[in-house]
């Protein structure tokens, strides 16, 4: 059923991962250079992969177990990109000077929260189906 709440969560997660990378800055180093995720191919590729995985999970509504597995892999991917962001922001040149962390650093966190909410709704649907099967 594509009109469920988990579809909305996954659609928002896909839009955030795929769309906000083009707009928001991730961080500004001490020299004033602005870093946007689409400038680096690694970051861009991982964000696009995350958006594609969220989009694929939307259409796996008939197989809820596989949908949950795809969402868990997407969470791991977002944790990886979050780790890469933290590592690159701490080891960039000019970090001894004051650098600003942009709103783009929170894109993976927001995506993780939305995917966890989607998994919770999927689990709730699975429990509902199992309870109805018991009544038959």
Protein backbone atom coordinates (compact mmCIF):
# COMPACT_ATOMS: atom_id res chain seq x y z
CA UNK A 1 0.00 0.00 0.00
CA UNK A 2 1.75 3.04 -1.26
CA UNK A 3 -0.40 5.58 0.63
CA UNK A 4 0.97 4.64 4.07
CA UNK A 5 2.85 6.98 6.42
CA UNK A 6 6.16 5.20 5.83
CA UNK A 7 5.93 6.22 2.18
CA UNK A 8 5.80 9.85 3.23
CA UNK A 9 8.77 9.39 5.55
CA UNK A 10 10.79 7.69 2.83
CA UNK A 11 9.79 10.28 0.22
CA UNK A 12 10.93 13.10 2.50
CA UNK A 13 14.20 11.24 3.23
CA UNK A 14 14.79 10.80 -0.51
CA UNK A 15 14.06 14.48 -1.15
CA UNK A 16 16.39 15.55 1.63
CA UNK A 17 19.24 13.28 0.52
CA UNK A 18 18.84 13.99 -3.17
CA UNK A 19 17.71 17.59 -3.16
CA UNK A 20 19.30 19.45 -0.30
CA UNK A 21 22.81 18.48 -1.34
CA UNK A 22 22.44 20.91 -4.25
CA UNK A 23 21.37 23.83 -2.10
CA UNK A 24 22.85 23.94 1.39
CA UNK A 25 26.47 24.31 2.39
CA UNK A 26 28.04 21.63 4.50
CA UNK A 27 30.76 23.64 6.16
CA UNK A 28 32.98 26.69 5.70
CA UNK A 29 36.63 26.30 6.53
CA UNK A 30 38.77 28.83 8.40
CA UNK A 31 39.85 30.49 5.13
CA UNK A 32 36.27 31.22 4.10
CA UNK A 33 36.00 28.51 1.44
CA UNK A 34 32.48 27.16 1.23
CA UNK A 35 32.09 23.41 0.85
CA UNK A 36 28.94 22.07 -0.78
CA UNK A 37 28.38 18.31 -1.03
CA UNK A 38 27.80 18.28 -4.77
CA UNK A 39 31.35 19.59 -5.33
CA UNK A 40 32.91 16.29 -4.24
CA UNK A 41 32.01 13.19 -6.24
CA UNK A 42 32.23 10.88 -3.20
CA UNK A 43 29.72 12.87 -1.18
CA UNK A 44 27.48 13.42 -4.17
CA UNK A 45 27.51 9.72 -5.09
CA UNK A 46 26.68 8.57 -1.57
CA UNK A 47 23.84 11.07 -1.22
CA UNK A 48 22.38 10.06 -4.57
CA UNK A 49 22.69 6.39 -3.58
CA UNK A 50 20.86 7.14 -0.33
CA UNK A 51 18.08 8.91 -2.24
CA UNK A 52 17.81 6.00 -4.69
CA UNK A 53 17.66 3.48 -1.84
CA UNK A 54 14.85 5.45 -0.20
CA UNK A 55 12.99 5.59 -3.51
CA UNK A 56 13.42 1.85 -4.04
CA UNK A 57 12.17 1.15 -0.52
CA UNK A 58 8.97 3.06 -1.30
CA UNK A 59 8.07 0.56 -4.02
CA UNK A 60 8.88 -2.51 -1.92
CA UNK A 61 5.63 -2.13 0.03
CA UNK A 62 4.50 -5.68 -0.82
CA UNK A 63 7.60 -7.20 0.78
CA UNK A 64 7.87 -5.47 4.14
CA UNK A 65 10.83 -7.55 5.32
CA UNK A 66 12.92 -6.54 2.30
CA UNK A 67 11.77 -2.94 2.71
CA UNK A 68 13.07 -2.97 6.28
CA UNK A 69 16.41 -4.46 5.17
CA UNK A 70 16.84 -1.80 2.48
CA UNK A 71 16.06 0.89 5.04
CA UNK A 72 18.64 -0.53 7.46
CA UNK A 73 21.27 -0.50 4.72
CA UNK A 74 20.30 3.11 4.01
CA UNK A 75 20.79 3.95 7.68
CA UNK A 76 24.27 2.40 7.57
CA UNK A 77 25.05 4.40 4.43
CA UNK A 78 23.95 7.62 6.12
CA UNK A 79 26.03 6.78 9.20
CA UNK A 80 29.02 6.28 6.89
CA UNK A 81 28.54 9.66 5.22
CA UNK A 82 28.11 11.26 8.64
CA UNK A 83 31.41 9.74 9.74
CA UNK A 84 33.11 10.95 6.56
CA UNK A 85 31.72 14.44 7.15
CA UNK A 86 32.99 14.53 10.72
CA UNK A 87 36.39 13.20 9.69
CA UNK A 88 36.77 15.66 6.81
CA UNK A 89 35.62 18.62 8.87
CA UNK A 90 38.10 17.82 11.63
CA UNK A 91 41.07 17.18 9.33
CA UNK A 92 40.61 19.95 6.79
CA UNK A 93 43.31 22.53 6.39
CA UNK A 94 42.76 25.67 8.39
CA UNK A 95 40.82 23.86 11.11
CA UNK A 96 42.91 25.57 13.75
CA UNK A 97 41.11 28.75 12.76
CA UNK A 98 37.42 29.01 13.47
CA UNK A 99 35.34 27.09 10.96
CA UNK A 100 31.57 27.03 10.63
CA UNK A 101 29.56 23.86 10.31
CA UNK A 102 26.67 24.38 7.93
CA UNK A 103 23.19 22.92 7.97
CA UNK A 104 24.30 20.36 5.41
CA UNK A 105 26.12 18.44 8.14
CA UNK A 106 22.70 17.50 9.56
CA UNK A 107 21.31 16.03 6.34
CA UNK A 108 22.40 12.47 7.20
CA UNK A 109 21.04 12.78 10.74
CA UNK A 110 17.66 13.98 9.50
CA UNK A 111 17.58 11.22 6.91
CA UNK A 112 18.39 8.61 9.57
CA UNK A 113 15.57 9.85 11.80
CA UNK A 114 13.06 9.70 8.94
CA UNK A 115 14.13 6.20 7.93
CA UNK A 116 13.88 4.99 11.54
CA UNK A 117 10.35 6.39 11.69
CA UNK A 118 9.54 4.60 8.44
CA UNK A 119 10.88 1.32 9.85
CA UNK A 120 8.73 1.80 12.94
CA UNK A 121 5.63 2.26 10.78
CA UNK A 122 6.55 -0.79 8.68
CA UNK A 123 6.92 -2.87 11.84
CA UNK A 124 3.52 -1.63 13.01
CA UNK A 125 1.95 -2.70 9.70
CA UNK A 126 3.62 -6.11 9.97
CA UNK A 127 2.20 -6.60 13.46
CA UNK A 128 -1.25 -5.60 12.24
CA UNK A 129 -1.12 -8.14 9.41
CA UNK A 130 0.05 -10.87 11.80
CA UNK A 131 -2.77 -10.11 14.24
CA UNK A 132 -5.35 -10.33 11.48
CA UNK A 133 -3.86 -13.64 10.31
CA UNK A 134 -4.26 -15.05 13.82
CA UNK A 135 -7.98 -14.31 13.74
CA UNK A 136 -8.57 -16.38 10.60
